[in-house]
Amino acid sequence: MLVLKSLIRLIDERATKPLSISIQNCHVLENKTLLPFLHADLIYLDLSDCPKINQESIEIIQKNCQRLKVLKLNGCTKLTAIQDN
């Protein structure tokens, strides 16, 4: 959790947000800690093997990442289906 909090702080302090983010195999990443990484210009997001990612996470990503082109969710076991709105 310490590393994740440090990354959140780093992202918050940057004037320019990264266009590509990969957070894999993170067992503490949940909706509250995911939100600081999301922004309108994000184009690539890999959350593979993050077991706390769920349907609400997808809705948060959809709302905050309008330009997202690639979303990887391999091994996110709480997801059973993703609905296209």
C-alpha atoms as a PDB file:
ATOM      1  CA  MET A   1       0.000   0.000   0.000  1.00  0.00           C
ATOM      2  CA  LEU A   2       2.937   2.311   0.677  1.00  0.00           C
ATOM      3  CA  VAL A   3       4.118   2.111  -2.936  1.00  0.00           C
ATOM      4  CA  LEU A   4       0.603   2.790  -4.223  1.00  0.00           C
ATOM      5  CA  LYS A   5       0.256   5.836  -1.956  1.00  0.00           C
ATOM      6  CA  SER A   6       3.614   7.132  -3.192  1.00  0.00           C
ATOM      7  CA  LEU A   7       2.502   6.732  -6.808  1.00  0.00           C
ATOM      8  CA  ILE A   8      -0.737   8.584  -6.069  1.00  0.00           C
ATOM      9  CA  ARG A   9       1.214  11.434  -4.519  1.00  0.00           C
ATOM     10  CA  LEU A  10       3.572  11.568  -7.507  1.00  0.00           C
ATOM     11  CA  ILE A  11       0.653  11.668  -9.960  1.00  0.00           C
ATOM     12  CA  ASP A  12      -1.075  14.404  -7.941  1.00  0.00           C
ATOM     13  CA  GLU A  13       2.061  16.563  -7.966  1.00  0.00           C
ATOM     14  CA  ARG A  14       2.714  16.286 -11.706  1.00  0.00           C
ATOM     15  CA  ALA A  15       1.474  19.057 -13.960  1.00  0.00           C
ATOM     16  CA  THR A  16       1.293  16.646 -16.901  1.00  0.00           C
ATOM     17  CA  LYS A  17      -0.523  13.367 -16.342  1.00  0.00           C
ATOM     18  CA  PRO A  18       0.788  10.176 -17.979  1.00  0.00           C
ATOM     19  CA  LEU A  19      -1.053   8.946 -21.071  1.00  0.00           C
ATOM     20  CA  SER A  20      -0.297   5.320 -20.276  1.00  0.00           C
ATOM     21  CA  ILE A  21      -0.637   3.611 -16.894  1.00  0.00           C
ATOM     22  CA  SER A  22       0.025   0.010 -15.964  1.00  0.00           C
ATOM     23  CA  ILE A  23      -0.772  -1.227 -12.449  1.00  0.00           C
ATOM     24  CA  GLN A  24      -0.641  -5.006 -12.500  1.00  0.00           C
ATOM     25  CA  ASN A  25      -1.077  -7.599  -9.775  1.00  0.00           C
ATOM     26  CA  CYS A  26      -1.972  -4.973  -7.168  1.00  0.00           C
ATOM     27  CA  HIS A  27      -4.068  -6.551  -4.435  1.00  0.00           C
ATOM     28  CA  VAL A  28      -4.744  -3.230  -2.678  1.00  0.00           C
ATOM     29  CA  LEU A  29      -5.943  -1.237  -5.702  1.00  0.00           C
ATOM     30  CA  GLU A  30      -9.635  -0.444  -5.293  1.00  0.00           C
ATOM     31  CA  ASN A  31     -11.978   2.259  -6.575  1.00  0.00           C
ATOM     32  CA  LYS A  32     -10.813   4.902  -4.107  1.00  0.00           C
ATOM     33  CA  THR A  33      -7.132   4.375  -4.924  1.00  0.00           C
ATOM     34  CA  LEU A  34      -7.765   3.969  -8.659  1.00  0.00           C
ATOM     35  CA  LEU A  35      -9.420   7.367  -9.081  1.00  0.00           C
ATOM     36  CA  PRO A  36      -6.266   9.552  -8.765  1.00  0.00           C
ATOM     37  CA  PHE A  37      -4.727   7.763 -11.778  1.00  0.00           C
ATOM     38  CA  LEU A  38      -7.686   8.453 -14.079  1.00  0.00           C
ATOM     39  CA  HIS A  39      -8.020  11.517 -16.277  1.00  0.00           C
ATOM     40  CA  ALA A  40      -9.631  12.579 -19.559  1.00  0.00           C
ATOM     41  CA  ASP A  41      -6.452  12.226 -21.669  1.00  0.00           C
ATOM     42  CA  LEU A  42      -5.511   8.708 -20.540  1.00  0.00           C
ATOM     43  CA  ILE A  43      -5.296   6.392 -23.565  1.00  0.00           C
ATOM     44  CA  TYR A  44      -3.888   3.136 -22.108  1.00  0.00           C
ATOM     45  CA  LEU A  45      -4.752   1.482 -18.796  1.00  0.00           C
ATOM     46  CA  ASP A  46      -3.625  -1.980 -17.703  1.00  0.00           C
ATOM     47  CA  LEU A  47      -5.126  -3.250 -14.451  1.00  0.00           C
ATOM     48  CA  SER A  48      -4.439  -6.941 -15.057  1.00  0.00           C
ATOM     49  CA  ASP A  49      -4.643  -9.238 -12.042  1.00  0.00           C
ATOM     50  CA  CYS A  50      -6.010  -6.583  -9.684  1.00  0.00           C
ATOM     51  CA  PRO A  51      -8.596  -8.603  -7.738  1.00  0.00           C
ATOM     52  CA  LYS A  52     -10.552  -5.650  -6.306  1.00  0.00           C
ATOM     53  CA  ILE A  53     -11.448  -4.196  -9.720  1.00  0.00           C
ATOM     54  CA  ASN A  54     -15.204  -4.624 -10.182  1.00  0.00           C
ATOM     55  CA  GLN A  55     -18.135  -3.330 -12.249  1.00  0.00           C
ATOM     56  CA  GLU A  56     -18.154  -0.039 -10.333  1.00  0.00           C
ATOM     57  CA  SER A  57     -14.474   0.392 -11.275  1.00  0.00           C
ATOM     58  CA  ILE A  58     -15.409   0.082 -14.948  1.00  0.00           C
ATOM     59  CA  GLU A  59     -18.073   2.758 -14.557  1.00  0.00           C
ATOM     60  CA  ILE A  60     -15.537   5.071 -12.869  1.00  0.00           C
ATOM     61  CA  ILE A  61     -13.033   4.479 -15.682  1.00  0.00           C
ATOM     62  CA  GLN A  62     -15.705   5.088 -18.308  1.00  0.00           C
ATOM     63  CA  LYS A  63     -16.721   8.371 -16.665  1.00  0.00           C
ATOM     64  CA  ASN A  64     -13.190   9.728 -16.179  1.00  0.00           C
ATOM     65  CA  CYS A  65     -11.283   8.449 -19.236  1.00  0.00           C
ATOM     66  CA  GLN A  66     -13.146   9.627 -22.321  1.00  0.00           C
ATOM     67  CA  ARG A  67     -10.164   9.086 -24.683  1.00  0.00           C
ATOM     68  CA  LEU A  68      -9.202   5.628 -23.412  1.00  0.00           C
ATOM     69  CA  LYS A  69      -8.278   3.324 -26.313  1.00  0.00           C
ATOM     70  CA  VAL A  70      -6.870   0.271 -24.471  1.00  0.00           C
ATOM     71  CA  LEU A  71      -8.155  -1.211 -21.222  1.00  0.00           C
ATOM     72  CA  LYS A  72      -6.599  -4.480 -20.035  1.00  0.00           C
ATOM     73  CA  LEU A  73      -8.396  -6.368 -17.282  1.00  0.00           C
ATOM     74  CA  ASN A  74      -6.959  -9.884 -17.568  1.00  0.00           C
ATOM     75  CA  GLY A  75      -7.320 -11.776 -14.310  1.00  0.00           C
ATOM     76  CA  CYS A  76      -9.678  -9.277 -12.651  1.00  0.00           C
ATOM     77  CA  THR A  77     -11.763 -11.974 -11.033  1.00  0.00           C
ATOM     78  CA  LYS A  78     -14.645  -9.782  -9.801  1.00  0.00           C
ATOM     79  CA  LEU A  79     -15.576  -8.958 -13.403  1.00  0.00           C
ATOM     80  CA  THR A  80     -17.885 -11.386 -15.128  1.00  0.00           C
ATOM     81  CA  ALA A  81     -19.089  -9.233 -18.045  1.00  0.00           C
ATOM     82  CA  ILE A  82     -18.644  -5.696 -19.295  1.00  0.00           C
ATOM     83  CA  GLN A  83     -21.712  -3.991 -20.691  1.00  0.00           C
ATOM     84  CA  ASP A  84     -21.386  -1.508 -23.535  1.00  0.00           C
ATOM     85  CA  ASN A  85     -23.400   1.631 -22.787  1.00  0.00           C
END
